[in-house]
C-alpha atoms as a PDB file:
ATOM      1  CA  UNK A   1     -42.938 144.358  38.365  1.00  0.00           C
ATOM      2  CA  UNK A   2     -44.913 145.829  35.495  1.00  0.00           C
ATOM      3  CA  UNK A   3     -47.576 148.143  36.953  1.00  0.00           C
ATOM      4  CA  UNK A   4     -49.382 149.018  33.711  1.00  0.00           C
ATOM      5  CA  UNK A   5     -52.541 147.599  35.268  1.00  0.00           C
ATOM      6  CA  UNK A   6     -52.908 150.752  37.416  1.00  0.00           C
ATOM      7  CA  UNK A   7     -53.793 152.948  34.430  1.00  0.00           C
ATOM      8  CA  UNK A   8     -56.385 150.449  33.184  1.00  0.00           C
ATOM      9  CA  UNK A   9     -57.774 150.151  36.707  1.00  0.00           C
ATOM     10  CA  UNK A  10     -58.307 153.906  36.920  1.00  0.00           C
ATOM     11  CA  UNK A  11     -60.140 153.862  33.588  1.00  0.00           C
ATOM     12  CA  UNK A  12     -62.361 150.989  34.758  1.00  0.00           C
ATOM     13  CA  UNK A  13     -63.258 152.827  37.962  1.00  0.00           C
ATOM     14  CA  UNK A  14     -64.112 155.988  36.025  1.00  0.00           C
ATOM     15  CA  UNK A  15     -66.331 153.995  33.625  1.00  0.00           C
ATOM     16  CA  UNK A  16     -68.076 152.498  36.650  1.00  0.00           C
ATOM     17  CA  UNK A  17     -68.704 155.933  38.193  1.00  0.00           C
ATOM     18  CA  UNK A  18     -70.186 157.184  34.900  1.00  0.00           C
ATOM     19  CA  UNK A  19     -72.369 154.074  34.634  1.00  0.00           C
ATOM     20  CA  UNK A  20     -73.602 154.460  38.226  1.00  0.00           C
ATOM     21  CA  UNK A  21     -74.951 157.918  37.348  1.00  0.00           C
ATOM     22  CA  UNK A  22     -77.337 156.184  34.912  1.00  0.00           C
ATOM     23  CA  UNK A  23     -78.832 153.953  37.628  1.00  0.00           C
ATOM     24  CA  UNK A  24     -81.928 155.454  39.293  1.00  0.00           C
ATOM     25  CA  UNK A  25     -81.127 156.507  42.857  1.00  0.00           C
ATOM     26  CA  UNK A  26     -84.032 154.429  44.176  1.00  0.00           C
ATOM     27  CA  UNK A  27     -82.034 151.314  43.263  1.00  0.00           C
ATOM     28  CA  UNK A  28     -78.797 152.250  45.098  1.00  0.00           C
ATOM     29  CA  UNK A  29     -78.363 152.067  48.879  1.00  0.00           C
ATOM     30  CA  UNK A  30     -82.098 151.893  49.258  1.00  0.00           C
ATOM     31  CA  UNK A  31     -84.721 149.625  50.825  1.00  0.00           C
ATOM     32  CA  UNK A  32     -84.891 147.856  47.457  1.00  0.00           C
ATOM     33  CA  UNK A  33     -81.132 147.232  47.386  1.00  0.00           C
ATOM     34  CA  UNK A  34     -81.296 145.954  50.980  1.00  0.00           C
ATOM     35  CA  UNK A  35     -83.894 143.404  49.870  1.00  0.00           C
ATOM     36  CA  UNK A  36     -81.501 142.345  47.087  1.00  0.00           C
ATOM     37  CA  UNK A  37     -78.672 142.058  49.612  1.00  0.00           C
ATOM     38  CA  UNK A  38     -80.854 139.911  51.891  1.00  0.00           C
ATOM     39  CA  UNK A  39     -81.793 137.748  48.900  1.00  0.00           C
ATOM     40  CA  UNK A  40     -78.100 137.347  47.966  1.00  0.00           C
ATOM     41  CA  UNK A  41     -77.235 136.441  51.554  1.00  0.00           C
ATOM     42  CA  UNK A  42     -80.024 133.839  51.611  1.00  0.00           C
ATOM     43  CA  UNK A  43     -78.723 132.340  48.343  1.00  0.00           C
ATOM     44  CA  UNK A  44     -75.187 132.293  49.796  1.00  0.00           C
ATOM     45  CA  UNK A  45     -76.440 130.603  52.967  1.00  0.00           C
ATOM     46  CA  UNK A  46     -78.300 127.922  51.026  1.00  0.00           C
ATOM     47  CA  UNK A  47     -75.365 127.264  48.671  1.00  0.00           C
ATOM     48  CA  UNK A  48     -72.876 127.273  51.548  1.00  0.00           C
ATOM     49  CA  UNK A  49     -75.059 125.010  53.689  1.00  0.00           C
ATOM     50  CA  UNK A  50     -75.430 122.516  50.855  1.00  0.00           C
ATOM     51  CA  UNK A  51     -71.747 122.228  49.958  1.00  0.00           C
ATOM     52  CA  UNK A  52     -69.593 123.443  52.848  1.00  0.00           C
ATOM     53  CA  UNK A  53     -67.726 120.711  54.692  1.00  0.00           C
ATOM     54  CA  UNK A  54     -65.656 123.057  56.830  1.00  0.00           C
ATOM     55  CA  UNK A  55     -66.186 125.401  59.698  1.00  0.00           C
ATOM     56  CA  UNK A  56     -68.669 128.250  59.239  1.00  0.00           C
ATOM     57  CA  UNK A  57     -67.485 131.438  60.922  1.00  0.00           C
ATOM     58  CA  UNK A  58     -68.509 135.074  61.246  1.00  0.00           C
ATOM     59  CA  UNK A  59     -65.502 137.258  60.286  1.00  0.00           C
ATOM     60  CA  UNK A  60     -65.235 140.853  59.027  1.00  0.00           C
ATOM     61  CA  UNK A  61     -69.035 141.032  58.899  1.00  0.00           C
ATOM     62  CA  UNK A  62     -69.188 138.008  56.578  1.00  0.00           C
ATOM     63  CA  UNK A  63     -70.439 134.488  57.024  1.00  0.00           C
ATOM     64  CA  UNK A  64     -67.430 132.442  55.855  1.00  0.00           C
ATOM     65  CA  UNK A  65     -68.249 128.983  54.494  1.00  0.00           C
ATOM     66  CA  UNK A  66     -65.091 126.884  54.110  1.00  0.00           C
ATOM     67  CA  UNK A  67     -64.601 123.473  52.593  1.00  0.00           C
ATOM     68  CA  UNK A  68     -66.590 124.234  49.456  1.00  0.00           C
ATOM     69  CA  UNK A  69     -65.789 122.015  46.433  1.00  0.00           C
ATOM     70  CA  UNK A  70     -63.785 123.854  43.775  1.00  0.00           C
ATOM     71  CA  UNK A  71     -66.549 123.710  41.174  1.00  0.00           C
ATOM     72  CA  UNK A  72     -68.997 125.519  43.500  1.00  0.00           C
ATOM     73  CA  UNK A  73     -67.236 128.901  43.455  1.00  0.00           C
ATOM     74  CA  UNK A  74     -65.022 130.947  41.144  1.00  0.00           C
ATOM     75  CA  UNK A  75     -61.334 131.769  41.630  1.00  0.00           C
ATOM     76  CA  UNK A  76     -60.360 131.666  45.337  1.00  0.00           C
ATOM     77  CA  UNK A  77     -63.889 132.170  46.564  1.00  0.00           C
ATOM     78  CA  UNK A  78     -67.034 134.161  45.943  1.00  0.00           C
ATOM     79  CA  UNK A  79     -69.014 136.704  47.937  1.00  0.00           C
ATOM     80  CA  UNK A  80     -72.777 136.284  47.641  1.00  0.00           C
ATOM     81  CA  UNK A  81     -74.574 138.886  49.722  1.00  0.00           C
ATOM     82  CA  UNK A  82     -73.072 138.642  53.189  1.00  0.00           C
ATOM     83  CA  UNK A  83     -71.531 135.176  52.627  1.00  0.00           C
ATOM     84  CA  UNK A  84     -68.014 134.293  51.495  1.00  0.00           C
ATOM     85  CA  UNK A  85     -67.810 130.808  49.987  1.00  0.00           C
ATOM     86  CA  UNK A  86     -64.328 129.318  49.673  1.00  0.00           C
ATOM     87  CA  UNK A  87     -62.306 126.118  49.687  1.00  0.00           C
ATOM     88  CA  UNK A  88     -60.265 124.564  52.464  1.00  0.00           C
ATOM     89  CA  UNK A  89     -57.855 127.388  53.150  1.00  0.00           C
ATOM     90  CA  UNK A  90     -58.400 129.735  56.068  1.00  0.00           C
ATOM     91  CA  UNK A  91     -58.870 133.147  54.411  1.00  0.00           C
ATOM     92  CA  UNK A  92     -56.297 135.772  55.364  1.00  0.00           C
ATOM     93  CA  UNK A  93     -57.233 139.133  56.849  1.00  0.00           C
ATOM     94  CA  UNK A  94     -56.415 140.729  53.473  1.00  0.00           C
ATOM     95  CA  UNK A  95     -58.805 138.407  51.619  1.00  0.00           C
ATOM     96  CA  UNK A  96     -61.522 139.097  54.178  1.00  0.00           C
ATOM     97  CA  UNK A  97     -61.009 142.874  53.802  1.00  0.00           C
ATOM     98  CA  UNK A  98     -61.393 142.398  50.040  1.00  0.00           C
ATOM     99  CA  UNK A  99     -64.537 140.296  50.442  1.00  0.00           C
ATOM    100  CA  UNK A 100     -66.011 142.750  52.977  1.00  0.00           C
ATOM    101  CA  UNK A 101     -65.886 145.398  50.227  1.00  0.00           C
ATOM    102  CA  UNK A 102     -67.821 143.013  47.966  1.00  0.00           C
ATOM    103  CA  UNK A 103     -70.352 142.623  50.774  1.00  0.00           C
ATOM    104  CA  UNK A 104     -70.740 146.406  50.852  1.00  0.00           C
ATOM    105  CA  UNK A 105     -71.151 146.391  47.052  1.00  0.00           C
ATOM    106  CA  UNK A 106     -73.988 143.901  47.461  1.00  0.00           C
ATOM    107  CA  UNK A 107     -75.586 146.241  49.993  1.00  0.00           C
ATOM    108  CA  UNK A 108     -75.316 149.171  47.554  1.00  0.00           C
ATOM    109  CA  UNK A 109     -76.476 147.419  44.368  1.00  0.00           C
ATOM    110  CA  UNK A 110     -78.688 144.606  45.689  1.00  0.00           C
ATOM    111  CA  UNK A 111     -80.320 142.627  42.881  1.00  0.00           C
ATOM    112  CA  UNK A 112     -78.214 144.516  40.325  1.00  0.00           C
ATOM    113  CA  UNK A 113     -74.907 143.230  41.728  1.00  0.00           C
ATOM    114  CA  UNK A 114     -74.660 139.907  39.824  1.00  0.00           C
ATOM    115  CA  UNK A 115     -75.618 141.573  36.523  1.00  0.00           C
ATOM    116  CA  UNK A 116     -73.288 144.551  36.988  1.00  0.00           C
ATOM    117  CA  UNK A 117     -70.439 142.254  38.015  1.00  0.00           C
ATOM    118  CA  UNK A 118     -70.891 140.139  34.875  1.00  0.00           C
ATOM    119  CA  UNK A 119     -70.989 143.276  32.705  1.00  0.00           C
ATOM    120  CA  UNK A 120     -67.734 144.450  34.334  1.00  0.00           C
ATOM    121  CA  UNK A 121     -66.006 141.357  32.901  1.00  0.00           C
ATOM    122  CA  UNK A 122     -63.975 138.411  34.151  1.00  0.00           C
ATOM    123  CA  UNK A 123     -60.591 140.152  34.027  1.00  0.00           C
ATOM    124  CA  UNK A 124     -60.032 141.353  37.613  1.00  0.00           C
ATOM    125  CA  UNK A 125     -57.590 144.024  36.402  1.00  0.00           C
ATOM    126  CA  UNK A 126     -60.452 145.634  34.451  1.00  0.00           C
ATOM    127  CA  UNK A 127     -63.404 144.697  36.663  1.00  0.00           C
ATOM    128  CA  UNK A 128     -64.369 147.779  38.666  1.00  0.00           C
ATOM    129  CA  UNK A 129     -65.748 145.714  41.543  1.00  0.00           C
ATOM    130  CA  UNK A 130     -62.466 143.812  41.986  1.00  0.00           C
ATOM    131  CA  UNK A 131     -60.441 146.998  41.625  1.00  0.00           C
ATOM    132  CA  UNK A 132     -62.606 148.776  44.195  1.00  0.00           C
ATOM    133  CA  UNK A 133     -62.252 145.827  46.601  1.00  0.00           C
ATOM    134  CA  UNK A 134     -58.454 146.001  46.265  1.00  0.00           C
ATOM    135  CA  UNK A 135     -56.493 143.961  43.777  1.00  0.00           C
ATOM    136  CA  UNK A 136     -53.634 143.506  46.239  1.00  0.00           C
ATOM    137  CA  UNK A 137     -55.890 142.325  49.092  1.00  0.00           C
ATOM    138  CA  UNK A 138     -57.677 140.020  46.650  1.00  0.00           C
ATOM    139  CA  UNK A 139     -54.373 138.461  45.581  1.00  0.00           C
ATOM    140  CA  UNK A 140     -54.714 139.555  41.941  1.00  0.00           C
ATOM    141  CA  UNK A 141     -51.505 141.619  41.943  1.00  0.00           C
ATOM    142  CA  UNK A 142     -48.420 141.631  44.103  1.00  0.00           C
ATOM    143  CA  UNK A 143     -48.395 143.986  47.009  1.00  0.00           C
ATOM    144  CA  UNK A 144     -46.320 147.090  46.343  1.00  0.00           C
ATOM    145  CA  UNK A 145     -43.132 147.064  48.305  1.00  0.00           C
ATOM    146  CA  UNK A 146     -42.865 149.650  51.047  1.00  0.00           C
ATOM    147  CA  UNK A 147     -40.367 152.439  50.386  1.00  0.00           C
ATOM    148  CA  UNK A 148     -36.803 151.391  51.091  1.00  0.00           C
ATOM    149  CA  UNK A 149     -35.524 152.517  54.464  1.00  0.00           C
ATOM    150  CA  UNK A 150     -32.172 154.217  54.709  1.00  0.00           C
ATOM    151  CA  UNK A 151     -29.835 152.306  56.961  1.00  0.00           C
ATOM    152  CA  UNK A 152     -28.625 154.380  59.955  1.00  0.00           C
ATOM    153  CA  UNK A 153     -24.984 154.022  58.876  1.00  0.00           C
ATOM    154  CA  UNK A 154     -25.828 155.418  55.437  1.00  0.00           C
ATOM    155  CA  UNK A 155     -27.532 158.546  56.789  1.00  0.00           C
ATOM    156  CA  UNK A 156     -25.744 161.863  56.693  1.00  0.00           C
ATOM    157  CA  UNK A 157     -23.536 162.629  59.700  1.00  0.00           C
ATOM    158  CA  UNK A 158     -24.037 166.374  59.254  1.00  0.00           C
ATOM    159  CA  UNK A 159     -26.462 166.539  62.151  1.00  0.00           C
ATOM    160  CA  UNK A 160     -25.103 168.060  65.417  1.00  0.00           C
END
């Protein structure tokens, strides 16, 4: 598999760190950002309550609204505040780990989150929020294979 995306991902994360230094500290992980997170969660609850036809569950610190129509969310689902809105599939643990990072991003950036996410771009391989949440857990890239194990018969017999 071509892993050229890793270099671009590192550049995107570095750009994001530089950009964050320009944001006044009072807006990050602050009472103001918590208000923005609460607002986002309220919006997610309203949207999920209007359109969800599936089971609503609390998982990984998120309110998961399933059974959303495809037009009501992007890609495989969307995190709005503390809510994950998705279609009919039961989200995997990996997806929920990914979305829990987005929830934490909402807590950090509050009202700024939707704007900053849009500025980061639609390409998940270059979007610092998707990269930070884990491209593999989010299903954007294939999981790296674990290192090959050496079969016992192929190991050296030099040991006593």
